[in-house]
N, C-alpha and C. Protein backbone atom coordinates (compact mmCIF):
# COMPACT_ATOMS: atom_id res chain seq x y z
N MET A 1 61.27 18.74 -19.84
CA MET A 1 61.24 17.47 -19.89
C MET A 1 60.92 17.08 -21.62
N ASN A 2 61.78 16.35 -21.86
CA ASN A 2 61.89 15.90 -23.41
C ASN A 2 60.85 14.28 -23.14
N ILE A 3 59.54 14.16 -24.03
CA ILE A 3 58.82 13.27 -23.73
C ILE A 3 58.73 12.12 -25.31
N PRO A 4 59.45 10.81 -25.33
CA PRO A 4 59.83 10.69 -26.71
C PRO A 4 58.50 10.55 -27.75
N MET A 5 58.47 10.76 -28.87
CA MET A 5 57.82 10.97 -29.84
C MET A 5 56.28 9.87 -29.34
N ARG A 6 56.84 8.44 -29.48
CA ARG A 6 55.84 7.57 -29.04
C ARG A 6 55.00 7.85 -27.95
N ALA A 7 55.72 7.61 -27.02
CA ALA A 7 54.80 8.27 -25.38
C ALA A 7 53.66 9.09 -26.20
N ARG A 8 54.48 10.22 -26.32
CA ARG A 8 53.39 11.55 -26.50
C ARG A 8 52.08 11.06 -27.61
N ARG A 9 52.36 10.36 -28.53
CA ARG A 9 51.27 9.56 -29.29
C ARG A 9 50.24 8.64 -28.62
N SER A 10 51.16 7.88 -27.42
CA SER A 10 50.05 7.28 -26.78
C SER A 10 49.10 7.54 -26.02
N ARG A 11 50.14 8.93 -25.05
CA ARG A 11 49.02 9.85 -24.23
C ARG A 11 48.19 10.38 -24.92
N THR A 12 48.09 10.70 -26.11
CA THR A 12 47.00 11.26 -26.89
C THR A 12 46.15 10.78 -27.26
N ALA A 13 46.68 9.67 -27.68
CA ALA A 13 45.43 8.89 -28.11
C ALA A 13 44.29 8.35 -26.76
N ARG A 14 45.15 7.71 -25.52
CA ARG A 14 44.47 7.42 -24.15
C ARG A 14 43.58 8.74 -23.77
N VAL A 15 43.84 10.14 -24.26
CA VAL A 15 43.01 11.44 -23.94
C VAL A 15 41.95 11.37 -24.71
N ALA A 16 41.98 11.30 -25.62
CA ALA A 16 40.71 11.03 -26.73
C ALA A 16 40.21 10.09 -26.53
N ALA A 17 40.34 8.95 -25.96
CA ALA A 17 39.75 7.58 -26.27
C ALA A 17 38.63 7.95 -24.84
N GLY A 18 39.20 8.64 -23.91
CA GLY A 18 38.96 8.80 -22.62
C GLY A 18 37.36 10.07 -22.90
N LEU A 19 38.05 10.98 -24.05
CA LEU A 19 36.81 11.76 -24.09
C LEU A 19 36.04 11.45 -24.89
N VAL A 20 35.74 10.72 -25.84
CA VAL A 20 34.87 9.42 -26.27
C VAL A 20 34.31 8.82 -25.33
N CYS A 21 34.85 8.30 -24.38
CA CYS A 21 34.05 7.71 -23.41
C CYS A 21 33.27 8.40 -22.67
N LEU A 22 33.41 9.68 -22.14
CA LEU A 22 32.44 10.87 -21.36
C LEU A 22 31.59 11.16 -22.62
N ALA A 23 31.77 11.38 -23.57
CA ALA A 23 30.76 11.85 -24.27
C ALA A 23 29.61 10.66 -24.33
N ALA A 24 30.21 9.55 -24.36
CA ALA A 24 28.97 8.41 -24.60
C ALA A 24 28.53 8.01 -23.26
N LEU A 25 29.03 8.32 -22.07
CA LEU A 25 28.27 7.99 -20.84
C LEU A 25 27.26 9.10 -20.59
N ALA A 26 27.97 10.61 -20.81
CA ALA A 26 26.36 11.79 -21.03
C ALA A 26 25.50 11.21 -21.71
N ALA A 27 26.10 10.57 -23.04
CA ALA A 27 24.38 10.05 -24.08
C ALA A 27 23.54 9.04 -23.18
N LEU A 28 24.31 8.26 -22.66
CA LEU A 28 23.68 7.48 -22.44
C LEU A 28 22.98 7.54 -20.76
N ALA A 29 23.30 8.90 -20.06
CA ALA A 29 22.12 8.93 -18.92
C ALA A 29 21.47 9.77 -19.49
N GLY A 30 21.47 10.67 -20.58
CA GLY A 30 20.79 11.29 -20.79
C GLY A 30 19.32 10.62 -21.74
N CYS A 31 19.98 9.70 -22.25
CA CYS A 31 18.33 8.72 -22.50
C CYS A 31 17.81 7.64 -21.24
N GLY A 32 18.65 7.62 -20.18
CA GLY A 32 18.04 6.80 -19.28
C GLY A 32 17.24 7.75 -18.48
N ALA A 33 17.40 9.10 -18.10
CA ALA A 33 16.49 10.04 -17.66
C ALA A 33 15.30 10.03 -18.18
N GLU A 34 15.06 10.16 -19.63
CA GLU A 34 14.49 10.21 -20.47
C GLU A 34 13.26 8.89 -20.29
N GLY A 35 14.17 7.66 -20.02
CA GLY A 35 13.10 6.47 -19.97
C GLY A 35 12.19 6.45 -18.83
N THR A 36 13.30 6.95 -17.70
CA THR A 36 12.39 6.95 -16.38
C THR A 36 10.99 8.02 -16.37
N GLY A 37 11.38 9.19 -17.27
CA GLY A 37 10.20 9.73 -16.83
C GLY A 37 8.96 8.95 -17.51
N GLU A 38 9.08 8.74 -18.89
CA GLU A 38 8.41 7.72 -19.69
C GLU A 38 7.85 6.67 -18.50
N THR A 39 8.30 5.79 -18.12
CA THR A 39 7.65 5.00 -17.31
C THR A 39 7.00 5.04 -16.12
N GLY A 40 7.62 6.20 -15.44
CA GLY A 40 7.39 7.02 -14.21
C GLY A 40 5.57 7.24 -14.42
N GLY A 41 5.32 7.77 -16.00
CA GLY A 41 3.80 8.17 -15.81
C GLY A 41 3.21 9.71 -15.12
N SER A 42 2.40 9.57 -14.83
CA SER A 42 1.66 10.68 -13.75
C SER A 42 2.47 10.52 -12.07
N GLY A 43 2.86 9.43 -12.14
CA GLY A 43 3.29 9.54 -10.77
C GLY A 43 4.76 9.64 -11.11
N GLY A 44 5.23 9.73 -11.68
CA GLY A 44 6.77 10.56 -11.56
C GLY A 44 6.92 11.90 -11.27
N SER A 45 8.04 12.62 -10.33
CA SER A 45 7.95 13.73 -10.33
C SER A 45 9.03 14.50 -11.28
N ALA A 46 9.20 15.63 -11.55
CA ALA A 46 10.51 16.30 -12.35
C ALA A 46 11.78 15.63 -12.16
N GLY A 47 11.98 15.30 -10.93
CA GLY A 47 13.16 14.13 -10.87
C GLY A 47 13.26 12.94 -11.19
N GLY A 48 12.07 12.08 -11.50
CA GLY A 48 12.26 10.93 -12.05
C GLY A 48 11.70 9.82 -11.33
N GLU A 49 11.63 10.05 -10.09
CA GLU A 49 11.23 9.67 -8.85
C GLU A 49 9.89 9.69 -8.70
N ALA A 50 9.53 8.21 -8.40
CA ALA A 50 8.26 7.97 -7.84
C ALA A 50 7.29 9.01 -6.99
N ALA A 51 6.23 9.42 -6.83
CA ALA A 51 5.31 10.25 -6.24
C ALA A 51 5.27 9.36 -4.89
N PRO A 52 5.18 9.65 -3.92
CA PRO A 52 4.78 9.15 -2.60
C PRO A 52 2.98 8.32 -3.01
N ALA A 53 3.38 7.41 -2.15
CA ALA A 53 1.81 6.62 -2.54
C ALA A 53 0.57 7.38 -1.50
N PRO A 54 -0.43 7.66 -1.97
CA PRO A 54 -1.39 8.40 -1.20
C PRO A 54 -1.63 8.12 0.25
N THR A 55 -1.22 8.04 1.37
CA THR A 55 -1.63 7.55 2.81
C THR A 55 -2.07 8.17 3.41
N THR A 56 -3.27 7.37 4.63
CA THR A 56 -3.51 8.11 5.96
C THR A 56 -4.02 7.08 6.87
N ARG A 57 -4.15 7.39 7.73
CA ARG A 57 -4.39 6.58 9.13
C ARG A 57 -5.27 7.45 10.04
N PHE A 58 -5.93 6.19 10.83
CA PHE A 58 -6.79 6.58 12.27
C PHE A 58 -6.65 5.65 13.25
N SER A 59 -6.68 6.31 14.38
CA SER A 59 -6.87 4.75 15.44
C SER A 59 -8.35 5.19 16.48
N GLU A 60 -8.60 4.16 16.38
CA GLU A 60 -10.44 3.86 17.03
C GLU A 60 -10.52 2.57 17.60
N ASN A 61 -10.59 2.49 19.04
CA ASN A 61 -10.94 1.40 19.58
C ASN A 61 -10.09 0.23 19.64
N GLY A 62 -8.55 1.16 20.27
CA GLY A 62 -7.40 -0.14 20.27
C GLY A 62 -7.04 -0.45 19.19
N VAL A 63 -7.11 0.17 17.49
CA VAL A 63 -6.55 -0.47 16.60
C VAL A 63 -6.35 1.05 15.68
N THR A 64 -4.98 1.02 15.30
CA THR A 64 -4.72 1.80 14.23
C THR A 64 -4.86 1.26 12.58
N VAL A 65 -5.55 1.72 12.31
CA VAL A 65 -5.28 1.51 10.87
C VAL A 65 -4.92 2.28 9.68
N THR A 66 -4.14 1.93 8.67
CA THR A 66 -2.99 2.81 8.02
C THR A 66 -3.64 2.11 6.54
N LEU A 67 -4.44 3.17 5.91
CA LEU A 67 -4.54 3.26 3.96
C LEU A 67 -3.55 3.46 3.41
N THR A 68 -3.10 2.66 2.28
CA THR A 68 -2.77 2.82 1.07
C THR A 68 -2.90 2.72 0.02
N VAL A 69 -2.98 3.73 -1.10
CA VAL A 69 -3.26 3.38 -2.56
C VAL A 69 -1.85 3.14 -3.09
N THR A 70 -1.77 2.04 -3.56
CA THR A 70 -0.31 1.31 -4.14
C THR A 70 -0.54 1.02 -5.78
N ASP A 71 0.54 0.89 -6.15
CA ASP A 71 0.67 0.56 -7.68
C ASP A 71 -0.52 1.05 -8.74
N TRP A 72 -0.63 2.29 -8.49
CA TRP A 72 -1.68 2.94 -9.40
C TRP A 72 -1.52 3.29 -11.02
N ARG A 73 -2.20 2.32 -11.82
CA ARG A 73 -1.70 2.78 -13.18
C ARG A 73 -2.93 2.68 -14.24
N ASP A 74 -3.23 3.21 -15.16
CA ASP A 74 -4.47 3.05 -15.71
C ASP A 74 -6.09 2.78 -15.30
N SER A 75 -5.73 4.15 -14.39
CA SER A 75 -6.83 3.98 -13.72
C SER A 75 -7.34 2.91 -12.42
N ALA A 76 -6.39 2.64 -12.29
CA ALA A 76 -6.52 1.21 -11.58
C ALA A 76 -5.41 0.78 -10.46
N GLY A 77 -5.40 0.40 -9.07
CA GLY A 77 -4.63 0.28 -8.48
C GLY A 77 -4.92 -0.72 -7.32
N THR A 78 -4.42 -0.72 -5.96
CA THR A 78 -4.58 -1.75 -4.76
C THR A 78 -4.78 -0.78 -3.43
N LEU A 79 -5.70 -0.87 -3.08
CA LEU A 79 -6.03 -0.56 -1.63
C LEU A 79 -5.34 -1.70 -0.56
N LYS A 80 -4.88 -1.05 0.02
CA LYS A 80 -3.59 -1.78 1.44
C LYS A 80 -4.09 -1.33 2.57
N ALA A 81 -4.57 -1.89 3.53
CA ALA A 81 -5.26 -1.31 5.04
C ALA A 81 -4.43 -2.48 6.03
N VAL A 82 -3.73 -1.52 6.91
CA VAL A 82 -2.77 -2.27 8.01
C VAL A 82 -3.64 -2.25 9.29
N PHE A 83 -3.99 -3.39 9.76
CA PHE A 83 -4.77 -3.18 11.12
C PHE A 83 -3.80 -3.37 12.04
N THR A 84 -3.46 -2.17 13.12
CA THR A 84 -2.08 -2.83 14.14
C THR A 84 -3.08 -2.86 15.11
N PRO A 85 -3.09 -3.52 15.81
CA PRO A 85 -3.95 -3.43 17.45
C PRO A 85 -2.68 -2.53 18.60
N GLU A 86 -3.20 -1.93 19.39
CA GLU A 86 -2.08 -0.93 19.98
C GLU A 86 -1.43 -1.42 20.94
N GLU A 87 -2.24 -2.91 21.66
CA GLU A 87 -1.82 -3.59 22.99
C GLU A 87 -1.35 -5.00 22.58
N PRO A 88 -0.16 -5.50 22.87
CA PRO A 88 0.29 -6.39 22.61
C PRO A 88 -0.54 -7.55 23.07
N GLY A 89 -1.24 -8.77 22.38
CA GLY A 89 -1.70 -10.32 22.92
C GLY A 89 -2.95 -9.73 22.25
N PHE A 90 -3.47 -8.82 21.40
CA PHE A 90 -4.55 -8.74 20.44
C PHE A 90 -4.82 -9.11 19.40
N HIS A 91 -5.48 -9.77 18.88
CA HIS A 91 -5.77 -10.00 17.48
C HIS A 91 -7.14 -9.42 16.78
N LEU A 92 -7.19 -10.07 15.33
CA LEU A 92 -8.02 -9.03 14.73
C LEU A 92 -8.83 -10.58 14.06
N TYR A 93 -9.98 -10.32 13.84
CA TYR A 93 -10.85 -11.35 13.05
C TYR A 93 -10.80 -11.47 12.26
N SER A 94 -11.31 -12.76 11.20
CA SER A 94 -11.03 -13.08 9.89
C SER A 94 -12.18 -12.23 8.98
N THR A 95 -11.59 -12.40 7.90
CA THR A 95 -12.45 -11.48 6.67
C THR A 95 -13.69 -12.29 6.15
N ALA A 96 -13.24 -13.42 6.29
CA ALA A 96 -14.19 -14.79 6.28
C ALA A 96 -15.63 -14.65 7.32
N LEU A 97 -15.56 -13.73 8.59
CA LEU A 97 -16.16 -14.11 9.47
C LEU A 97 -17.68 -13.22 9.11
N PRO A 98 -18.65 -13.87 9.78
CA PRO A 98 -20.22 -13.21 9.56
C PRO A 98 -20.22 -12.00 9.56
N ALA A 99 -21.07 -10.87 9.00
CA ALA A 99 -20.94 -9.64 9.69
C ALA A 99 -21.36 -9.52 11.32
N SER A 100 -22.35 -10.34 11.81
CA SER A 100 -22.69 -10.50 12.88
C SER A 100 -21.80 -11.60 14.18
N GLY A 101 -20.61 -11.94 13.39
CA GLY A 101 -20.04 -13.04 14.41
C GLY A 101 -20.39 -14.17 14.14
N VAL A 102 -19.65 -14.96 15.31
CA VAL A 102 -20.47 -15.97 15.28
C VAL A 102 -21.17 -16.06 16.88
N ASP A 103 -22.61 -16.12 16.80
CA ASP A 103 -22.80 -16.64 18.07
C ASP A 103 -23.17 -15.22 18.59
N GLY A 104 -23.23 -13.68 17.94
CA GLY A 104 -22.90 -12.95 18.26
C GLY A 104 -21.10 -12.35 18.55
N VAL A 105 -20.28 -13.60 18.63
CA VAL A 105 -19.18 -12.75 18.92
C VAL A 105 -17.91 -12.24 18.02
N GLY A 106 -17.74 -11.38 17.63
CA GLY A 106 -16.58 -11.06 16.79
C GLY A 106 -17.43 -10.01 15.76
N ARG A 107 -16.39 -9.46 15.07
CA ARG A 107 -16.71 -8.92 13.96
C ARG A 107 -15.72 -8.87 12.86
N PRO A 108 -15.82 -8.94 11.65
CA PRO A 108 -14.93 -9.54 11.07
C PRO A 108 -14.06 -8.29 10.47
N THR A 109 -13.22 -8.63 9.73
CA THR A 109 -12.17 -7.73 9.12
C THR A 109 -12.30 -7.17 8.12
N SER A 110 -12.51 -5.94 7.59
CA SER A 110 -13.58 -5.63 6.59
C SER A 110 -13.33 -4.10 5.53
N VAL A 111 -13.11 -3.88 4.47
CA VAL A 111 -12.23 -2.80 3.75
C VAL A 111 -13.85 -2.73 2.55
N THR A 112 -14.44 -1.94 2.53
CA THR A 112 -15.25 -1.78 1.26
C THR A 112 -14.95 -0.06 0.68
N VAL A 113 -15.42 -0.24 -1.06
CA VAL A 113 -14.94 0.97 -1.63
C VAL A 113 -16.34 1.52 -1.95
N SER A 114 -16.86 2.62 -2.17
CA SER A 114 -17.99 3.06 -3.04
C SER A 114 -17.66 4.39 -3.49
N GLY A 115 -18.76 5.09 -4.63
CA GLY A 115 -18.41 6.20 -5.00
C GLY A 115 -17.33 5.71 -6.58
N ALA A 116 -16.68 6.94 -6.52
CA ALA A 116 -15.46 6.93 -8.11
C ALA A 116 -14.74 6.09 -7.54
N LEU A 117 -14.79 4.60 -6.67
CA LEU A 117 -13.67 3.80 -6.57
C LEU A 117 -14.84 2.53 -6.39
N ARG A 118 -14.55 1.80 -7.36
CA ARG A 118 -15.23 0.56 -7.25
C ARG A 118 -14.07 -0.81 -7.12
N ALA A 119 -14.44 -1.73 -6.07
CA ALA A 119 -13.90 -2.98 -6.13
C ALA A 119 -13.56 -4.07 -7.35
N ARG A 120 -12.41 -4.44 -7.82
CA ARG A 120 -12.30 -4.90 -8.92
C ARG A 120 -11.90 -6.37 -8.46
N GLY A 121 -12.25 -7.07 -7.49
CA GLY A 121 -11.26 -8.35 -6.66
C GLY A 121 -12.07 -8.25 -5.46
N ALA A 122 -11.66 -9.81 -4.86
CA ALA A 122 -12.26 -9.64 -3.20
C ALA A 122 -10.90 -9.19 -2.33
N LEU A 123 -11.19 -8.77 -1.33
CA LEU A 123 -10.37 -8.49 -0.26
C LEU A 123 -9.68 -9.81 0.50
N THR A 124 -8.40 -9.65 0.85
CA THR A 124 -7.48 -10.59 0.79
C THR A 124 -6.77 -9.92 2.04
N ALA A 125 -6.18 -11.19 2.97
CA ALA A 125 -5.08 -10.73 4.15
C ALA A 125 -4.22 -11.38 3.71
N GLY A 126 -2.80 -10.96 4.58
CA GLY A 126 -1.77 -11.47 4.24
C GLY A 126 -1.34 -12.36 5.45
N ALA A 127 -2.31 -13.02 6.30
CA ALA A 127 -1.92 -13.89 7.56
C ALA A 127 -2.82 -14.87 7.53
N PRO A 128 -2.23 -15.66 8.31
CA PRO A 128 -3.09 -16.75 8.22
C PRO A 128 -4.01 -16.76 8.97
N VAL A 129 -5.09 -17.79 8.84
CA VAL A 129 -6.31 -18.32 9.82
C VAL A 129 -6.19 -19.33 10.54
N ARG A 130 -6.80 -18.68 12.03
CA ARG A 130 -6.60 -19.87 13.01
C ARG A 130 -7.68 -19.86 13.72
N SER A 131 -8.58 -21.14 14.38
CA SER A 131 -9.42 -20.83 14.71
C SER A 131 -9.21 -20.96 16.13
N VAL A 132 -10.23 -20.41 17.07
CA VAL A 132 -10.26 -20.32 18.57
C VAL A 132 -11.41 -20.63 19.00
N ARG A 133 -11.38 -21.54 20.09
CA ARG A 133 -13.01 -21.54 20.97
C ARG A 133 -12.98 -20.76 22.11
N LEU A 134 -13.98 -19.77 22.29
CA LEU A 134 -14.21 -19.49 23.04
C LEU A 134 -15.42 -19.61 24.02
N PRO A 135 -15.19 -19.29 25.54
CA PRO A 135 -16.41 -19.70 26.34
C PRO A 135 -17.89 -19.51 25.75
N GLY A 136 -19.16 -20.33 25.81
CA GLY A 136 -20.47 -19.57 25.53
C GLY A 136 -21.11 -19.63 24.15
N VAL A 137 -19.41 -20.12 23.19
CA VAL A 137 -19.65 -20.04 21.61
C VAL A 137 -19.38 -21.70 21.46
N ASP A 138 -20.36 -22.12 20.94
CA ASP A 138 -20.35 -23.53 20.33
C ASP A 138 -19.48 -23.71 19.01
N ALA A 139 -19.48 -22.98 17.99
CA ALA A 139 -18.57 -22.96 16.70
C ALA A 139 -17.43 -22.42 16.93
N PRO A 140 -16.11 -23.02 16.29
CA PRO A 140 -14.76 -22.11 16.29
C PRO A 140 -14.92 -21.23 15.80
N VAL A 141 -14.31 -19.95 16.26
CA VAL A 141 -14.52 -18.37 15.62
C VAL A 141 -13.08 -18.29 14.83
N PRO A 142 -12.61 -17.83 13.36
CA PRO A 142 -11.82 -17.70 12.60
C PRO A 142 -10.88 -16.37 13.29
N VAL A 143 -9.97 -16.28 13.19
CA VAL A 143 -9.07 -15.24 13.53
C VAL A 143 -7.67 -15.30 13.31
N TYR A 144 -6.91 -13.68 13.11
CA TYR A 144 -5.56 -14.23 12.73
C TYR A 144 -4.49 -14.02 14.01
N PRO A 145 -3.47 -14.25 13.56
CA PRO A 145 -2.27 -14.32 15.16
C PRO A 145 -1.96 -12.98 15.53
N ASP A 146 -2.21 -12.64 16.99
CA ASP A 146 -1.64 -11.25 17.46
C ASP A 146 -0.97 -10.95 16.60
N GLY A 147 -1.36 -9.70 16.60
CA GLY A 147 -0.58 -8.76 16.06
C GLY A 147 -1.60 -7.81 14.78
N PRO A 148 -0.43 -7.00 13.88
CA PRO A 148 -0.74 -6.43 12.85
C PRO A 148 -1.01 -7.47 11.35
N VAL A 149 -2.18 -7.11 10.83
CA VAL A 149 -2.60 -7.48 9.93
C VAL A 149 -2.88 -6.89 8.62
N THR A 150 -2.15 -6.93 6.92
CA THR A 150 -2.39 -6.37 5.81
C THR A 150 -3.40 -7.12 5.32
N THR A 151 -4.18 -6.58 4.58
CA THR A 151 -5.36 -6.76 3.88
C THR A 151 -4.70 -5.63 2.62
N THR A 152 -5.49 -6.55 1.27
CA THR A 152 -5.31 -5.52 0.04
C THR A 152 -6.46 -5.94 -0.47
N LEU A 153 -7.10 -4.85 -1.02
CA LEU A 153 -8.61 -4.76 -1.85
C LEU A 153 -7.92 -4.39 -3.58
N PRO A 154 -8.15 -4.86 -4.80
CA PRO A 154 -7.82 -4.35 -5.98
C PRO A 154 -8.83 -3.20 -6.31
N VAL A 155 -8.79 -2.21 -6.91
CA VAL A 155 -9.65 -1.61 -7.02
C VAL A 155 -9.54 -0.37 -8.27
N ARG A 156 -10.38 -0.01 -8.95
CA ARG A 156 -10.53 0.37 -10.04
C ARG A 156 -11.66 1.95 -10.12
N ALA A 157 -10.86 3.01 -10.53
CA ALA A 157 -11.90 4.34 -11.35
C ALA A 157 -12.96 4.35 -11.56
N GLY A 158 -14.09 4.10 -11.39
CA GLY A 158 -15.21 3.99 -12.30
C GLY A 158 -15.18 5.63 -12.85
N ALA A 159 -14.93 6.48 -12.27
CA ALA A 159 -15.04 7.76 -12.70
C ALA A 159 -14.33 8.78 -12.01
N GLU A 160 -14.32 10.53 -11.85
CA GLU A 160 -13.51 11.34 -11.17
C GLU A 160 -14.40 11.89 -10.41
N GLY A 161 -13.87 12.00 -9.23
CA GLY A 161 -15.34 12.72 -8.28
C GLY A 161 -14.82 11.95 -6.78
N GLU A 162 -15.68 12.16 -5.58
CA GLU A 162 -15.76 11.46 -4.51
C GLU A 162 -16.40 10.12 -4.36
N ALA A 163 -14.96 9.83 -3.33
CA ALA A 163 -15.23 8.04 -3.03
C ALA A 163 -14.62 7.98 -1.66
N THR A 164 -15.49 6.90 -1.20
CA THR A 164 -15.58 6.47 0.06
C THR A 164 -14.85 5.16 0.29
N VAL A 165 -14.31 4.86 1.41
CA VAL A 165 -13.63 3.27 2.15
C VAL A 165 -14.11 3.39 3.30
N LEU A 166 -15.16 2.13 3.43
CA LEU A 166 -15.47 1.70 4.70
C LEU A 166 -15.05 1.19 5.22
N VAL A 167 -14.57 0.95 6.54
CA VAL A 167 -13.45 -0.21 7.58
C VAL A 167 -14.18 -0.53 8.49
N GLY A 168 -14.23 -1.85 8.80
CA GLY A 168 -14.79 -2.48 9.88
C GLY A 168 -13.55 -3.51 10.56
N TYR A 169 -13.55 -3.47 12.30
CA TYR A 169 -12.61 -5.07 12.65
C TYR A 169 -13.46 -4.35 14.04
N ALA A 170 -13.13 -5.86 14.91
CA ALA A 170 -12.93 -5.77 16.16
C ALA A 170 -11.41 -6.32 16.78
N SER A 171 -10.71 -6.41 17.69
CA SER A 171 -10.08 -6.97 18.01
C SER A 171 -10.13 -7.78 19.23
N CYS A 172 -9.41 -8.67 19.94
CA CYS A 172 -9.50 -9.61 21.24
C CYS A 172 -8.27 -10.10 21.80
N SER A 173 -8.51 -9.98 22.92
CA SER A 173 -7.47 -10.73 23.94
C SER A 173 -8.00 -12.05 24.44
N THR A 174 -7.20 -12.75 24.24
CA THR A 174 -7.95 -14.46 25.45
C THR A 174 -7.72 -14.09 26.73
N THR A 175 -6.97 -12.96 27.07
CA THR A 175 -6.77 -12.78 28.50
C THR A 175 -7.41 -11.24 29.09
N GLU A 176 -7.60 -10.52 28.05
CA GLU A 176 -8.04 -8.90 28.24
C GLU A 176 -9.34 -8.33 28.05
N GLY A 177 -10.42 -9.63 27.09
CA GLY A 177 -11.38 -9.10 26.72
C GLY A 177 -11.24 -8.47 25.26
N CYS A 178 -12.32 -8.23 24.90
CA CYS A 178 -12.49 -7.38 23.17
C CYS A 178 -12.62 -5.62 23.63
N THR A 179 -12.51 -5.08 22.60
CA THR A 179 -12.34 -3.54 22.43
C THR A 179 -14.30 -3.79 21.53
N ILE A 180 -14.65 -2.47 21.65
CA ILE A 180 -15.81 -2.22 21.00
C ILE A 180 -15.42 -2.06 19.69
N PRO A 181 -16.72 -2.81 19.05
CA PRO A 181 -15.83 -3.17 17.43
C PRO A 181 -16.50 -2.18 16.39
N VAL A 182 -16.04 -1.85 15.30
CA VAL A 182 -15.70 -0.62 14.57
C VAL A 182 -16.44 -1.06 13.62
N ALA A 183 -17.67 -0.12 13.04
CA ALA A 183 -18.33 -0.80 11.63
C ALA A 183 -18.45 0.60 10.81
N ASP A 184 -18.30 0.27 9.62
CA ASP A 184 -18.23 1.24 8.66
C ASP A 184 -18.04 2.66 8.89
N ARG A 185 -16.58 2.35 9.14
CA ARG A 185 -15.90 3.64 9.35
C ARG A 185 -15.56 4.54 8.12
N PRO A 186 -16.11 5.62 8.17
CA PRO A 186 -15.83 6.10 6.69
C PRO A 186 -14.39 6.65 6.56
N VAL A 187 -13.52 6.51 5.46
CA VAL A 187 -12.26 7.13 4.80
C VAL A 187 -12.70 8.10 3.54
N ARG A 188 -12.77 9.40 3.31
CA ARG A 188 -12.95 10.27 1.92
C ARG A 188 -11.56 10.21 1.08
N LEU A 189 -11.50 10.11 -0.35
CA LEU A 189 -11.01 10.47 -0.98
C LEU A 189 -11.48 11.51 -1.81
N HIS A 190 -10.50 11.86 -2.56
CA HIS A 190 -11.05 12.64 -4.17
C HIS A 190 -10.16 11.83 -5.39
N VAL A 191 -10.99 11.38 -6.20
CA VAL A 191 -10.19 10.96 -7.84
C VAL A 191 -10.35 11.72 -8.87
N THR A 192 -8.94 11.95 -9.27
CA THR A 192 -8.89 12.48 -10.61
C THR A 192 -8.28 11.78 -11.70
N ALA A 193 -7.50 12.23 -12.79
CA ALA A 193 -7.18 11.98 -13.79
C ALA A 193 -5.56 11.10 -13.22
N ASP A 194 -5.35 12.52 -12.29
CA ASP A 194 -3.78 11.65 -11.77
C ASP A 194 -4.14 10.38 -10.58
N GLY A 195 -5.17 9.93 -9.97
CA GLY A 195 -5.13 9.15 -9.35
C GLY A 195 -5.87 9.58 -8.05
N PRO A 196 -5.98 8.75 -6.72
CA PRO A 196 -7.14 9.15 -5.77
C PRO A 196 -6.09 9.65 -4.81
N ALA A 197 -6.27 10.68 -3.74
CA ALA A 197 -6.24 11.55 -2.93
C ALA A 197 -6.98 10.83 -1.83
N PHE A 198 -6.46 11.27 -0.41
CA PHE A 198 -7.32 10.97 0.80
C PHE A 198 -7.51 12.33 1.40
N HIS A 199 -8.58 12.28 1.72
CA HIS A 199 -9.08 13.62 2.11
C HIS A 199 -8.40 13.99 3.45
N ALA A 200 -7.86 15.54 4.03
CA ALA A 200 -6.98 15.51 5.31
C ALA A 200 -8.34 15.13 6.56
N PRO A 201 -7.25 14.36 7.00
CA PRO A 201 -8.24 13.57 8.49
C PRO A 201 -8.94 14.67 9.29
């Protein structure tokens, strides 16, 4: 089949242009991969994907607690604790509740750190606080709505070594009563230059 010279030249030009574009795309892809590795820092993997955040969980007295260290960089990050009542209709108490409760009723939701980890701010909760009146208690008691509550605590590594998270809480239902409070339940971590890691449960 005879192809006119003009058509052959046009096809040759298109093929050459396509090869140039492919080379440019390959170069850009290489640059992008390198950039991802640099921004990932010690938290990145060989494939350029972020490593999973250190996580552990335990269940005690009607509540499952999931602890995660997120956004770790420059020896600092956020310790997130999700408190999930195991039965519907149960709530947790405010982090601002006194340590002994109100007239002895309730215990605060609490997360503290010691050892190689130090808090660099206050514990906050991602749920609104409401007040409930309980029989035999003169003052209103601050609680969160029924269901899970997520708290966050900004932390920093003061050194490499062992660290401890102390967790406290109590859950109650207006119809089913309360579970036994949990106070200063320890969770262990090991902190290195790469960041913290929870000990096996």
